Amino acid sequence: MSFDGVFTHAMVNELRTVLLSGRISKIHQPYENEVVLVIRSQAKNHRLLLSAHPSYARVQLTEIAYQNPDTPPNFAMMLRKHLEGAILEDIQQIENDRVIHFTFTKRNELGDLQDIELIVELMGRHSTIILLNSETGKILDAIKHVGHSQNTYRTILPGSDYITPPKQDQQNPFTATKESVFHLLSTAEELNGKYLQQQFQGLGRDTAEELAYRLNHNPNDKMTVWQSFWQDITSNLQPTLGLKNDKEFFAPLLFETFDKPVAYPTLSLLLDAFYGEKAEKDRVKQLGNDLIRRVENEIKRNQTKLEKRQKTLKDSENAEEFRRDGELLTTFMTQVPRGAESVDLANYYDEDQMITIRLNPALTPNQNAQKYFQRYQKLKNAVKLIYKQIDEAKEELAYLESILAQLEIAGPMDIEVIKEELVASGYLKKKKSKKNRKQAPSQPEIFYASDGTQILVGKNNLQNDQLTLKKARKTDIWLHAKNIPGSHVIIKDDDPSDETLLEAAELAAYFSKFRHSAQVPVDYVAVKHVHKPNGAKPGFVIYENQKTLYVTPEEQTIEELKKNQGN
């Protein structure tokens, strides 16, 4: 289901019960299209996420962590100026549209109460968040500025009058009269989702298809079905995640058309589950695109380098032929005509079989012979280094691919950690900070097994080295996805239970390139059997005496291990 007018209606009701009369304590804009308001209400801090993302636009309370930029964007600064300390007086949906008005009151510089509205329009790629002076109707600022050349119907710029989005002609299903609904349902040539969307406001395709399914399965009692559906949306929610045609959807009710439904206690937790990973990947893409591009370029450069070295190695296999040709030309110098492009000579290394030797017509016979000796000597000298250079190129490729794998599974808060490693490894230049304070290096993430045993997970190769080679005791247990780029995992116990081993193995599999695979092989061994070769890249180790577990990483298990507090 999309975040349609029906879901908006249900979400507004949920937010009203939690947030009304709350005070804004903090305002952040962690990402380009998203704002987080921390609202103190009912003796608790709530994080209200307002997203104008072109694909994931929504409004919800969230428990997902986020990282704020060093310098707040201009829109965040404007929100802080007008809304910090403000009281949330009202939350209203406009008709059954995807437009929500948050009304705040705050005293201005003169001490007078001032009404400020924050308007969220959830319109796909046209989604936006607008800060409005309620009294004047003037836009104070917007998360996306839209000029007249982009939209002739309305401009969304500071100082402009706020013009509402175009109104829909369909009826609001929550306020339509029984007579009107009865007429529309009974006169339909074909009662399907498309027909309901044409007649009623704010119905997404999935909501309309679900409602049509229920109506058609009770053709003699359509009005009861209709009234029951909207009553449940208003006061009897069942937030549900389910499958339709093997695709995942969310809904405010348990849809009868869902396969494998999973219930959630609130709409907001449902959205965290549905959007969490999708939005995280998109945020990582936004934040990490430059890093990914840099690493991919380095990988291509090293692949080219490796190909050239492997070609040189292959050419070196012909080195003896160059020496042979040089010696034959020297021996039979008088038989080599000047200015010829080739000569046929008896090869005394192969029972005098005749062979053809190519010549440079511009060179004398002796110079041609010396040319072959030079090519022979060059290849012989190259071979002495080439094996080492090929190994170095392969090591660098493996290292860069491990970085790329880390970026693929990283959350937004991990990007800076990976950037830190690339700076330390010399792939990125360190930016000069305006502040002279030295940042402490990032630390491995801490989890707790079901029995309370601490498990540490490195989130980049510098952390992996520090964790395995410095922090871990020799008797601790080390885990890593087998032959796969991924995190080092340490169990802080020399004799963990089988359950703890499996949980740690799931962590190792989850924080690897094969996060979404079934039956991921994970090696485990005591730390004393893990060693780092001299000069090896960060994160690279060798080990022996390992055993292997096969696990299927589940996100739910990882979340539970994160929430455990060692009890």
Protein backbone atom coordinates (compact mmCIF):
# COMPACT_ATOMS: atom_id res chain seq x y z
CA MET A 1 0.00 0.00 0.00
CA SER A 2 1.11 3.53 -0.67
CA PHE A 3 0.83 6.27 1.92
CA ASP A 4 -2.59 7.28 0.54
CA GLY A 5 -5.31 9.51 1.98
CA VAL A 6 -6.79 6.60 3.95
CA PHE A 7 -3.48 5.79 5.65
CA THR A 8 -2.94 9.52 6.22
CA HIS A 9 -6.31 9.67 8.03
CA ALA A 10 -5.31 6.80 10.31
CA MET A 11 -1.83 8.23 10.96
CA VAL A 12 -3.19 11.66 11.88
CA ASN A 13 -5.43 10.01 14.48
CA GLU A 14 -2.46 8.08 15.90
CA LEU A 15 -0.29 11.21 16.11
CA ARG A 16 -3.05 13.24 17.73
CA THR A 17 -3.34 10.77 20.63
CA VAL A 18 0.42 10.93 21.29
CA LEU A 19 1.64 14.43 20.40
CA LEU A 20 -1.06 17.06 20.98
CA SER A 21 -0.03 19.71 23.53
CA GLY A 22 3.57 18.55 23.25
CA ARG A 23 6.48 20.99 23.10
CA ILE A 24 9.21 20.90 20.45
CA SER A 25 12.57 20.45 22.15
CA LYS A 26 14.85 19.76 19.16
CA ILE A 27 14.71 20.08 15.40
CA HIS A 28 17.00 18.24 12.99
CA GLN A 29 17.29 17.81 9.25
CA PRO A 30 19.50 14.73 9.01
CA TYR A 31 18.89 14.20 5.29
CA GLU A 32 18.07 16.38 2.31
CA ASN A 33 14.31 15.67 2.23
CA GLU A 34 13.62 14.71 5.85
CA VAL A 35 13.02 16.61 9.07
CA VAL A 36 12.88 15.17 12.59
CA LEU A 37 11.05 17.06 15.34
CA VAL A 38 11.72 15.89 18.88
CA ILE A 39 8.47 16.58 20.76
CA ARG A 40 8.15 16.24 24.51
CA SER A 41 4.67 14.92 25.24
CA GLN A 42 3.12 12.75 27.95
CA ALA A 43 6.43 12.76 29.88
CA LYS A 44 8.31 11.23 26.94
CA ASN A 45 10.37 12.40 23.98
CA HIS A 46 8.93 11.39 20.60
CA ARG A 47 10.78 11.65 17.28
CA LEU A 48 8.36 12.84 14.59
CA LEU A 49 9.70 12.13 11.11
CA LEU A 50 8.41 14.33 8.28
CA SER A 51 9.64 13.00 4.95
CA ALA A 52 9.31 14.69 1.56
CA HIS A 53 11.33 11.95 -0.11
CA PRO A 54 10.20 11.40 -3.74
CA SER A 55 9.79 7.65 -3.17
CA TYR A 56 9.30 7.28 0.60
CA ALA A 57 7.29 10.38 1.54
CA ARG A 58 5.52 9.85 4.87
CA VAL A 59 4.78 11.19 8.35
CA GLN A 60 5.36 8.98 11.38
CA LEU A 61 6.98 8.56 14.76
CA THR A 62 10.26 6.72 14.37
CA GLU A 63 12.65 4.74 16.54
CA ILE A 64 15.32 4.50 13.83
CA ALA A 65 18.52 6.37 14.71
CA TYR A 66 19.89 9.07 12.43
CA GLN A 67 23.02 11.19 12.19
CA ASN A 68 22.88 14.96 11.90
CA PRO A 69 25.14 16.87 9.50
CA ASP A 70 27.92 19.01 10.98
CA THR A 71 26.28 22.14 9.55
CA PRO A 72 22.46 22.34 9.75
CA PRO A 73 20.75 23.12 6.40
CA ASN A 74 19.06 26.51 6.01
CA PHE A 75 15.58 24.99 6.31
CA ALA A 76 16.48 23.39 9.65
CA MET A 77 17.77 26.75 10.90
CA MET A 78 14.52 28.44 9.86
CA LEU A 79 12.47 25.75 11.63
CA ARG A 80 14.52 26.23 14.79
CA LYS A 81 14.02 29.98 14.68
CA HIS A 82 10.23 29.71 14.47
CA LEU A 83 9.38 26.40 16.16
CA GLU A 84 11.87 25.56 18.93
CA GLY A 85 9.89 25.58 22.17
CA ALA A 86 6.56 25.82 20.29
CA ILE A 87 3.46 23.93 21.48
CA LEU A 88 1.70 21.58 19.07
CA GLU A 89 -1.95 22.69 19.18
CA ASP A 90 -3.51 20.68 16.37
CA ILE A 91 -2.94 18.11 13.61
CA GLN A 92 -5.42 18.10 10.74
CA GLN A 93 -5.74 16.25 7.46
CA ILE A 94 -7.22 18.26 4.58
CA GLU A 95 -10.30 16.34 3.36
CA ASN A 96 -9.06 12.80 2.63
CA ASP A 97 -6.01 14.11 0.82
CA ARG A 98 -2.34 13.44 1.61
CA VAL A 99 -1.92 16.88 3.12
CA ILE A 100 -1.36 17.36 6.87
CA HIS A 101 -1.33 20.67 8.76
CA PHE A 102 0.57 20.83 12.08
CA THR A 103 -0.44 23.98 13.98
CA PHE A 104 1.93 25.39 16.63
CA THR A 105 1.80 28.36 18.95
CA LYS A 106 4.84 30.26 20.15
CA ARG A 107 5.51 33.68 21.60
CA ASN A 108 7.41 36.02 19.31
CA GLU A 109 10.08 38.56 20.30
CA LEU A 110 7.39 40.90 21.68
CA GLY A 111 5.86 38.15 23.81
CA ASP A 112 2.74 37.83 21.66
CA LEU A 113 1.36 34.40 20.80
CA GLN A 114 1.95 33.55 17.17
CA ASP A 115 0.41 30.73 15.12
CA ILE A 116 2.82 28.87 12.85
CA GLU A 117 1.84 25.98 10.59
CA LEU A 118 4.00 23.21 9.24
CA ILE A 119 2.33 21.74 6.17
CA VAL A 120 3.38 18.34 4.84
CA GLU A 121 2.22 17.46 1.33
CA LEU A 122 2.79 13.80 0.48
CA MET A 123 2.63 13.94 -3.31
CA GLY A 124 5.26 11.51 -4.59
CA ARG A 125 8.09 13.36 -6.30
CA HIS A 126 6.25 16.65 -5.65
CA SER A 127 6.21 16.05 -1.86
CA THR A 128 7.26 19.00 0.24
CA ILE A 129 7.29 20.51 3.74
CA ILE A 130 6.24 24.16 4.08
CA LEU A 131 6.63 26.52 7.05
CA LEU A 132 3.75 28.99 7.02
CA ASN A 133 2.74 32.09 8.98
CA SER A 134 -0.92 31.27 9.66
CA GLU A 135 -1.92 34.91 10.19
CA THR A 136 -0.52 36.28 6.92
CA GLY A 137 -0.75 33.13 4.82
CA LYS A 138 2.83 33.79 3.68
CA ILE A 139 5.40 31.02 3.22
CA LEU A 140 8.34 31.46 5.60
CA ASP A 141 10.37 28.69 3.96
CA ALA A 142 10.07 25.26 2.34
CA ILE A 143 12.26 22.18 2.19
CA LYS A 144 12.05 22.38 -1.62
CA HIS A 145 11.81 25.72 -3.43
CA VAL A 146 9.57 25.72 -6.52
CA GLY A 147 9.63 28.71 -8.84
CA HIS A 148 7.07 29.84 -11.41
CA SER A 149 9.06 28.26 -14.23
CA GLN A 150 8.71 24.88 -12.52
CA ASN A 151 5.04 25.19 -11.59
CA THR A 152 2.69 27.73 -13.19
CA TYR A 153 -0.13 26.87 -10.75
CA ARG A 154 1.76 27.98 -7.61
CA THR A 155 5.20 28.96 -6.41
CA ILE A 156 6.67 27.64 -3.17
CA LEU A 157 9.18 30.29 -2.18
CA PRO A 158 9.78 32.35 0.97
CA GLY A 159 7.45 35.36 0.92
CA SER A 160 4.95 33.81 -1.50
CA ASP A 161 1.27 33.34 -0.63
CA TYR A 162 0.50 29.71 0.18
CA ILE A 163 -1.81 28.17 -2.42
CA THR A 164 -3.29 24.79 -1.61
CA PRO A 165 -2.77 21.87 -4.02
CA PRO A 166 -5.55 21.43 -6.61
CA LYS A 167 -8.67 19.97 -4.97
CA GLN A 168 -10.02 16.60 -6.01
CA ASP A 169 -13.56 16.30 -7.33
CA GLN A 170 -14.24 12.89 -5.75
CA GLN A 171 -16.24 12.49 -2.56
CA ASN A 172 -14.56 12.10 0.82
CA PRO A 173 -15.37 8.50 1.85
CA PHE A 174 -15.42 9.49 5.55
CA THR A 175 -18.08 12.17 5.07
CA ALA A 176 -20.07 10.98 2.03
CA THR A 177 -23.77 10.44 2.77
CA LYS A 178 -25.26 6.95 2.88
CA GLU A 179 -27.58 7.83 -0.01
CA SER A 180 -24.71 8.98 -2.19
CA VAL A 181 -22.59 5.91 -1.39
CA PHE A 182 -25.53 3.54 -1.95
CA HIS A 183 -26.20 5.08 -5.33
CA LEU A 184 -22.56 4.86 -6.45
CA LEU A 185 -22.18 1.26 -5.28
CA SER A 186 -25.44 0.01 -6.71
CA THR A 187 -25.16 1.66 -10.14
CA ALA A 188 -21.60 0.60 -10.89
CA GLU A 189 -21.28 -1.49 -14.06
CA GLU A 190 -18.24 -3.16 -12.55
CA LEU A 191 -17.41 -2.63 -8.88
CA ASN A 192 -13.61 -2.77 -8.86
CA GLY A 193 -10.73 -0.82 -7.37
CA LYS A 194 -10.41 1.51 -10.35
CA TYR A 195 -14.09 2.51 -10.11
CA LEU A 196 -13.79 3.25 -6.38
CA GLN A 197 -10.70 5.41 -6.99
CA GLN A 198 -12.60 7.42 -9.58
CA GLN A 199 -15.51 8.06 -7.21
CA PHE A 200 -13.84 8.54 -3.81
CA GLN A 201 -11.01 10.76 -2.65
CA GLY A 202 -7.68 9.52 -1.30
CA LEU A 203 -7.93 5.82 -2.14
CA GLY A 204 -4.66 4.24 -3.16
CA ARG A 205 -4.82 1.31 -5.54
CA ASP A 206 -4.35 -1.32 -2.83
CA THR A 207 -6.94 0.20 -0.50
CA ALA A 208 -9.45 0.42 -3.36
CA GLU A 209 -8.82 -3.18 -4.43
CA GLU A 210 -9.21 -4.44 -0.85
CA LEU A 211 -12.47 -2.54 -0.39
CA ALA A 212 -13.80 -3.78 -3.76
CA TYR A 213 -12.87 -7.34 -2.78
CA ARG A 214 -14.86 -7.07 0.47
CA LEU A 215 -17.85 -5.45 -1.24
CA ASN A 216 -17.99 -8.09 -3.97
CA HIS A 217 -17.79 -10.92 -1.43
CA ASN A 218 -20.86 -9.52 0.34
CA PRO A 219 -23.01 -8.28 -2.57
CA ASN A 220 -26.23 -8.31 -0.53
CA ASP A 221 -24.90 -6.22 2.31
CA LYS A 222 -22.59 -3.67 0.69
CA MET A 223 -23.52 -0.76 2.93
CA THR A 224 -22.67 -2.72 6.10
CA VAL A 225 -19.31 -3.69 4.60
CA TRP A 226 -18.69 -0.08 3.57
CA GLN A 227 -19.52 1.41 6.98
CA SER A 228 -17.58 -1.27 8.85
CA PHE A 229 -14.45 -0.66 6.74
CA TRP A 230 -14.36 3.08 7.46
CA GLN A 231 -15.28 2.61 11.10
CA ASP A 232 -12.30 0.27 11.50
CA ILE A 233 -9.98 2.81 9.83
CA THR A 234 -11.14 5.41 12.36
CA SER A 235 -11.23 3.44 15.60
CA ASN A 236 -10.20 -0.20 15.20
CA LEU A 237 -6.80 -0.25 13.52
CA GLN A 238 -4.79 -3.41 12.89
CA PRO A 239 -1.45 -2.22 11.42
CA THR A 240 -0.31 -5.05 9.16
CA LEU A 241 2.54 -5.98 6.86
CA GLY A 242 1.63 -8.56 4.22
CA LEU A 243 2.34 -9.98 0.79
CA LYS A 244 0.36 -9.63 -2.43
CA ASN A 245 1.74 -11.40 -5.48
CA ASP A 246 5.00 -11.88 -3.56
CA LYS A 247 5.36 -8.12 -3.07
CA GLU A 248 5.37 -6.53 0.40
CA PHE A 249 2.65 -4.03 1.37
CA PHE A 250 1.55 -2.22 4.52
CA ALA A 251 -1.99 -1.33 5.59
CA PRO A 252 -3.84 0.14 8.59
CA LEU A 253 -6.08 -2.96 8.71
CA LEU A 254 -5.62 -6.69 8.27
CA PHE A 255 -6.38 -6.86 4.56
CA GLU A 256 -8.20 -10.02 3.50
CA THR A 257 -6.14 -10.03 0.29
CA PHE A 258 -2.82 -10.31 2.19
CA ASP A 259 -0.66 -13.44 2.37
CA LYS A 260 1.53 -14.07 5.44
CA PRO A 261 0.28 -11.03 7.41
CA VAL A 262 2.39 -9.70 10.30
CA ALA A 263 0.73 -7.44 12.90
CA TYR A 264 2.33 -4.36 14.51
CA PRO A 265 1.19 -2.44 17.60
CA THR A 266 1.24 0.97 15.91
CA LEU A 267 1.23 2.45 12.42
CA SER A 268 4.59 4.10 13.10
CA LEU A 269 6.29 0.84 14.05
CA LEU A 270 4.76 -0.70 10.94
CA LEU A 271 6.35 2.02 8.80
CA ASP A 272 9.71 1.61 10.54
CA ALA A 273 9.59 -2.06 9.59
CA PHE A 274 8.49 -1.40 5.99
CA TYR A 275 10.57 1.66 5.15
CA GLY A 276 13.51 1.15 7.50
CA GLU A 277 15.85 -0.77 5.23
CA LYS A 278 14.59 0.82 1.99
CA ALA A 279 15.06 4.35 3.31
CA GLU A 280 18.40 3.45 4.92
CA LYS A 281 19.74 2.19 1.60
CA ASP A 282 18.61 5.36 -0.11
CA ARG A 283 20.20 7.52 2.59
CA VAL A 284 23.44 5.57 2.28
CA LYS A 285 23.28 6.12 -1.47
CA GLN A 286 22.87 9.86 -0.90
CA LEU A 287 25.65 10.07 1.68
CA GLY A 288 27.98 7.47 0.23
CA ASN A 289 27.69 7.99 -3.53
CA ASP A 290 30.99 9.84 -3.68
CA LEU A 291 32.74 7.13 -1.65
CA ILE A 292 31.23 4.34 -3.76
CA ARG A 293 32.29 6.10 -6.96
CA ARG A 294 35.83 6.63 -5.59
CA VAL A 295 36.17 3.00 -4.51
CA GLU A 296 34.75 1.69 -7.80
CA ASN A 297 37.27 3.82 -9.72
CA GLU A 298 40.09 2.45 -7.58
CA ILE A 299 38.84 -1.09 -8.24
CA LYS A 300 38.80 -0.47 -12.02
CA ARG A 301 42.31 1.01 -11.84
CA ASN A 302 43.62 -2.02 -9.96
CA GLN A 303 41.85 -4.45 -12.29
CA THR A 304 43.59 -2.77 -15.24
CA LYS A 305 46.90 -2.92 -13.37
CA LEU A 306 46.37 -6.62 -12.61
CA GLU A 307 45.49 -7.42 -16.23
CA LYS A 308 48.68 -5.70 -17.45
CA ARG A 309 50.82 -7.58 -14.95
CA GLN A 310 49.21 -10.90 -15.84
CA LYS A 311 49.89 -10.16 -19.53
CA THR A 312 53.52 -9.39 -18.70
CA LEU A 313 53.70 -12.71 -16.84
CA LYS A 314 52.23 -14.52 -19.83
CA ASP A 315 54.67 -12.77 -22.16
CA SER A 316 57.52 -13.85 -19.90
CA GLU A 317 56.74 -17.45 -20.82
CA ASN A 318 58.08 -16.52 -24.29
CA ALA A 319 61.30 -15.12 -22.88
CA GLU A 320 63.32 -18.22 -23.78
CA GLU A 321 62.07 -17.95 -27.36
CA PHE A 322 63.48 -14.40 -27.55
CA ARG A 323 66.83 -15.64 -26.25
CA ARG A 324 66.80 -18.53 -28.75
CA ASP A 325 65.99 -16.22 -31.67
CA GLY A 326 68.77 -13.82 -30.63
CA GLU A 327 71.30 -16.67 -30.47
CA LEU A 328 70.22 -18.11 -33.83
CA LEU A 329 70.54 -14.67 -35.47
CA THR A 330 74.01 -14.26 -33.92
CA THR A 331 75.14 -17.75 -35.02
CA PHE A 332 73.83 -17.42 -38.59
CA MET A 333 74.52 -13.69 -38.96
CA THR A 334 75.92 -14.12 -42.50
CA GLN A 335 72.67 -15.81 -43.62
CA VAL A 336 70.48 -12.89 -42.49
CA PRO A 337 69.81 -10.48 -45.38
CA ARG A 338 69.72 -6.74 -44.70
CA GLY A 339 66.33 -5.04 -44.99
CA ALA A 340 64.37 -8.32 -44.76
CA GLU A 341 61.17 -8.58 -42.69
CA SER A 342 61.89 -12.21 -41.72
CA VAL A 343 64.39 -15.02 -42.15
CA ASP A 344 64.12 -18.83 -42.02
CA LEU A 345 66.90 -20.47 -39.99
CA ALA A 346 67.67 -24.00 -38.76
CA ASN A 347 66.85 -24.30 -35.03
CA TYR A 348 69.68 -26.37 -33.52
CA TYR A 349 67.67 -26.50 -30.25
CA ASP A 350 65.04 -28.60 -32.05
CA GLU A 351 66.88 -31.03 -34.38
CA ASP A 352 67.51 -28.29 -36.96
CA GLN A 353 63.79 -27.76 -37.66
CA MET A 354 63.38 -24.60 -39.75
CA ILE A 355 61.77 -21.63 -37.95
CA THR A 356 60.81 -18.17 -39.14
CA ILE A 357 62.22 -15.22 -37.17
CA ARG A 358 60.62 -11.80 -37.66
CA LEU A 359 63.01 -8.89 -38.32
CA ASN A 360 62.89 -5.10 -38.28
CA PRO A 361 63.95 -4.13 -41.83
CA ALA A 362 65.36 -0.81 -40.55
CA LEU A 363 67.91 -2.61 -38.33
CA THR A 364 71.09 -4.51 -39.20
CA PRO A 365 71.19 -8.30 -38.54
CA ASN A 366 73.30 -7.67 -35.43
CA GLN A 367 70.90 -4.97 -34.16
CA ASN A 368 67.97 -7.38 -34.67
CA ALA A 369 69.79 -10.01 -32.64
CA GLN A 370 70.51 -7.48 -29.86
CA LYS A 371 66.83 -6.46 -29.90
CA TYR A 372 65.81 -10.04 -29.13
CA PHE A 373 68.38 -10.26 -26.33
CA GLN A 374 67.08 -6.98 -24.87
CA ARG A 375 63.46 -8.24 -24.91
CA TYR A 376 64.63 -11.45 -23.26
CA GLN A 377 66.51 -9.59 -20.51
CA LYS A 378 63.59 -7.17 -19.90
CA LEU A 379 61.13 -10.01 -19.41
CA LYS A 380 63.54 -11.94 -17.16
CA ASN A 381 63.99 -8.84 -14.98
CA ALA A 382 60.22 -8.22 -14.91
CA VAL A 383 59.49 -11.79 -13.81
CA LYS A 384 61.51 -11.25 -10.64
CA LEU A 385 58.98 -8.59 -9.53
CA ILE A 386 55.82 -9.58 -11.34
CA TYR A 387 54.64 -12.29 -8.93
CA LYS A 388 54.96 -9.89 -6.02
CA GLN A 389 53.18 -7.14 -7.97
CA ILE A 390 50.33 -9.49 -8.93
CA ASP A 391 49.90 -10.51 -5.28
CA GLU A 392 49.90 -6.85 -4.23
CA ALA A 393 47.28 -5.98 -6.86
CA LYS A 394 45.09 -8.92 -5.78
CA GLU A 395 45.40 -7.88 -2.13
CA GLU A 396 44.46 -4.29 -2.95
CA LEU A 397 41.48 -5.47 -5.01
CA ALA A 398 40.29 -7.71 -2.17
CA TYR A 399 40.64 -4.81 0.26
CA LEU A 400 38.73 -2.38 -1.97
CA GLU A 401 36.00 -4.95 -2.59
CA SER A 402 35.67 -5.37 1.18
CA ILE A 403 35.19 -1.59 1.47
CA LEU A 404 32.57 -1.68 -1.29
CA ALA A 405 30.81 -4.54 0.52
CA GLN A 406 30.81 -2.48 3.72
CA LEU A 407 29.25 0.45 1.86
CA GLU A 408 26.55 -1.86 0.46
CA ILE A 409 25.48 -3.01 3.94
CA ALA A 410 26.22 0.26 5.78
CA GLY A 411 23.65 2.36 7.56
CA PRO A 412 23.83 6.15 7.26
CA MET A 413 25.71 6.37 10.56
CA ASP A 414 28.39 3.97 9.26
CA ILE A 415 29.39 6.15 6.29
CA GLU A 416 31.62 8.45 8.34
CA VAL A 417 33.28 5.39 9.89
CA ILE A 418 34.15 4.02 6.45
CA LYS A 419 35.30 7.45 5.27
CA GLU A 420 37.59 7.55 8.31
CA GLU A 421 39.20 4.31 7.15
CA LEU A 422 39.67 5.52 3.56
CA VAL A 423 41.41 8.64 4.88
CA ALA A 424 43.67 6.53 7.11
CA SER A 425 44.48 4.22 4.15
CA GLY A 426 45.39 7.16 1.90
CA TYR A 427 42.52 6.84 -0.58
CA LEU A 428 40.95 10.10 0.56
CA LYS A 429 42.48 13.37 1.68
CA LYS A 430 41.58 14.49 5.17
CA LYS A 431 39.44 17.59 5.11
CA LYS A 432 40.61 20.46 7.25
CA SER A 433 38.10 20.92 10.04
CA LYS A 434 37.11 24.39 11.13
CA LYS A 435 37.30 23.15 14.67
CA ASN A 436 40.62 21.99 16.02
CA ARG A 437 39.15 19.34 18.29
CA LYS A 438 40.40 15.84 17.59
CA GLN A 439 37.66 13.30 17.02
CA ALA A 440 37.95 10.00 18.86
CA PRO A 441 38.14 6.99 16.53
CA SER A 442 34.86 5.12 16.10
CA GLN A 443 34.25 2.04 18.20
CA PRO A 444 32.90 -1.44 17.33
CA GLU A 445 29.17 -1.98 17.88
CA ILE A 446 28.14 -3.86 21.03
CA PHE A 447 25.52 -6.62 21.09
CA TYR A 448 24.47 -9.05 23.80
CA ALA A 449 23.60 -12.70 23.34
CA SER A 450 20.44 -14.15 24.89
CA ASP A 451 22.46 -15.30 27.93
CA GLY A 452 24.04 -11.86 28.38
CA THR A 453 27.42 -12.60 26.77
CA GLN A 454 28.90 -9.52 25.12
CA ILE A 455 29.51 -9.70 21.36
CA LEU A 456 31.50 -7.02 19.52
CA VAL A 457 31.20 -6.28 15.79
CA GLY A 458 33.69 -4.23 13.76
CA LYS A 459 32.00 -1.88 11.26
CA ASN A 460 35.08 -1.08 9.15
CA ASN A 461 38.51 -2.60 8.61
CA LEU A 462 40.27 -0.29 11.10
CA GLN A 463 37.77 -1.37 13.75
CA ASN A 464 38.24 -5.00 12.68
CA ASP A 465 42.01 -4.76 13.23
CA GLN A 466 41.63 -2.98 16.55
CA LEU A 467 39.01 -5.44 17.73
CA THR A 468 40.78 -8.66 16.75
CA LEU A 469 44.40 -7.72 17.34
CA LYS A 470 44.18 -5.32 20.31
CA LYS A 471 40.91 -5.57 22.24
CA ALA A 472 40.16 -9.29 22.12
CA ARG A 473 41.70 -11.74 24.57
CA LYS A 474 43.53 -14.70 23.03
CA THR A 475 40.85 -17.02 24.42
CA ASP A 476 37.90 -15.04 23.03
CA ILE A 477 36.09 -16.51 20.04
CA TRP A 478 36.54 -14.84 16.63
CA LEU A 479 33.99 -15.21 13.81
CA HIS A 480 33.88 -14.16 10.16
CA ALA A 481 31.79 -15.05 7.13
CA LYS A 482 33.80 -17.66 5.21
CA ASN A 483 35.64 -16.28 2.15
CA ILE A 484 33.27 -13.29 2.08
CA PRO A 485 33.97 -9.60 2.80
CA GLY A 486 32.46 -8.76 6.16
CA SER A 487 32.90 -7.75 9.80
CA HIS A 488 35.10 -9.33 12.43
CA VAL A 489 32.96 -10.55 15.32
CA ILE A 490 34.28 -11.29 18.82
CA ILE A 491 32.49 -13.27 21.55
CA LYS A 492 33.86 -12.12 24.91
CA ASP A 493 33.93 -15.65 26.29
CA ASP A 494 36.31 -18.58 25.89
CA ASP A 495 33.55 -21.20 26.09
CA PRO A 496 30.29 -19.73 24.76
CA SER A 497 27.08 -21.72 24.66
CA ASP A 498 25.86 -23.19 21.37
CA GLU A 499 23.08 -20.59 21.31
CA THR A 500 25.56 -17.73 21.74
CA LEU A 501 27.76 -19.16 18.97
CA LEU A 502 24.79 -19.27 16.61
CA GLU A 503 23.73 -15.72 17.52
CA ALA A 504 27.27 -14.42 16.94
CA ALA A 505 27.42 -16.33 13.65
CA GLU A 506 24.19 -14.62 12.58
CA LEU A 507 25.83 -11.27 13.34
CA ALA A 508 28.87 -12.22 11.24
CA ALA A 509 26.61 -13.32 8.38
CA TYR A 510 24.37 -10.25 8.65
CA PHE A 511 27.31 -7.83 8.60
CA SER A 512 28.76 -9.41 5.45
CA LYS A 513 28.24 -9.14 1.71
CA PHE A 514 25.85 -12.13 1.88
CA ARG A 515 23.48 -10.46 4.36
CA HIS A 516 20.40 -11.50 2.36
CA SER A 517 21.50 -15.07 1.61
CA ALA A 518 20.37 -18.30 3.24
CA GLN A 519 22.89 -20.74 4.71
CA VAL A 520 25.85 -18.39 5.00
CA PRO A 521 29.03 -20.23 6.09
CA VAL A 522 30.68 -18.61 9.13
CA ASP A 523 34.10 -19.68 10.45
CA TYR A 524 34.87 -19.47 14.17
CA VAL A 525 38.05 -20.04 16.12
CA ALA A 526 39.86 -18.80 19.24
CA VAL A 527 41.58 -15.44 18.68
CA LYS A 528 45.00 -16.99 19.33
CA HIS A 529 44.69 -18.79 15.98
CA VAL A 530 44.10 -15.55 14.06
CA HIS A 531 47.15 -13.71 12.68
CA LYS A 532 47.86 -10.68 10.51
CA PRO A 533 50.63 -11.07 7.91
CA ASN A 534 53.30 -8.36 7.90
CA GLY A 535 52.29 -5.46 5.66
CA ALA A 536 48.77 -6.77 5.08
CA LYS A 537 45.92 -4.35 4.37
CA PRO A 538 43.59 -3.30 7.25
CA GLY A 539 41.12 -6.02 8.16
CA PHE A 540 43.06 -8.83 6.43
CA VAL A 541 43.98 -11.79 8.62
CA ILE A 542 44.78 -15.48 8.23
CA TYR A 543 43.58 -18.19 10.60
CA GLU A 544 43.70 -21.93 11.23
CA ASN A 545 41.93 -24.67 13.24
CA GLN A 546 38.57 -23.10 12.49
CA LYS A 547 35.15 -24.75 12.53
CA THR A 548 32.24 -23.67 10.34
CA LEU A 549 28.60 -22.93 11.11
CA TYR A 550 25.85 -22.38 8.53
CA VAL A 551 23.28 -19.73 9.45
CA THR A 552 20.53 -17.65 7.88
CA PRO A 553 20.76 -14.06 9.15
CA GLU A 554 17.43 -12.62 10.31
CA GLU A 555 17.02 -8.89 10.89
CA GLN A 556 14.65 -9.54 13.81
CA THR A 557 17.34 -11.56 15.61
CA ILE A 558 19.89 -8.77 15.06
CA GLU A 559 17.47 -6.20 16.52
CA GLU A 560 16.88 -8.38 19.59
CA LEU A 561 20.63 -8.79 20.14
CA LYS A 562 21.00 -5.01 19.86
CA LYS A 563 18.29 -4.37 22.46
CA ASN A 564 19.60 -6.90 24.98
CA GLN A 565 21.45 -5.26 27.86
CA GLY A 566 23.44 -8.20 29.08
CA ASN A 567 20.72 -9.36 31.46
